């Protein structure tokens, strides 16, 4: 049996997608992370350089706020969502 667990010390970039458009007030709730509203009624929460513990903390915040989680994806820097139009 091999140990296939990820390196928990790895700082990775994640995108969390939730249903609905979140306004400016939500940025403070998510500790200043960039939020981008997509045309299909989804908000992307951009999470640069966070470890697994911080990611789990953000997912708890999504749950506690009653937001509908769509996806969590680890992304390479060149695949990041364009947040220039972020709210």
Foldseek 3Di string as FASTA:
>chain_A
DDDPDDDQVFFFKKKWKWAADDDPVCCVLVVNFWWAADPVRMIIGTGGGDGPVVVVVVVVSCVVVVIHTDDMDTDDPVPDDDRPVTD
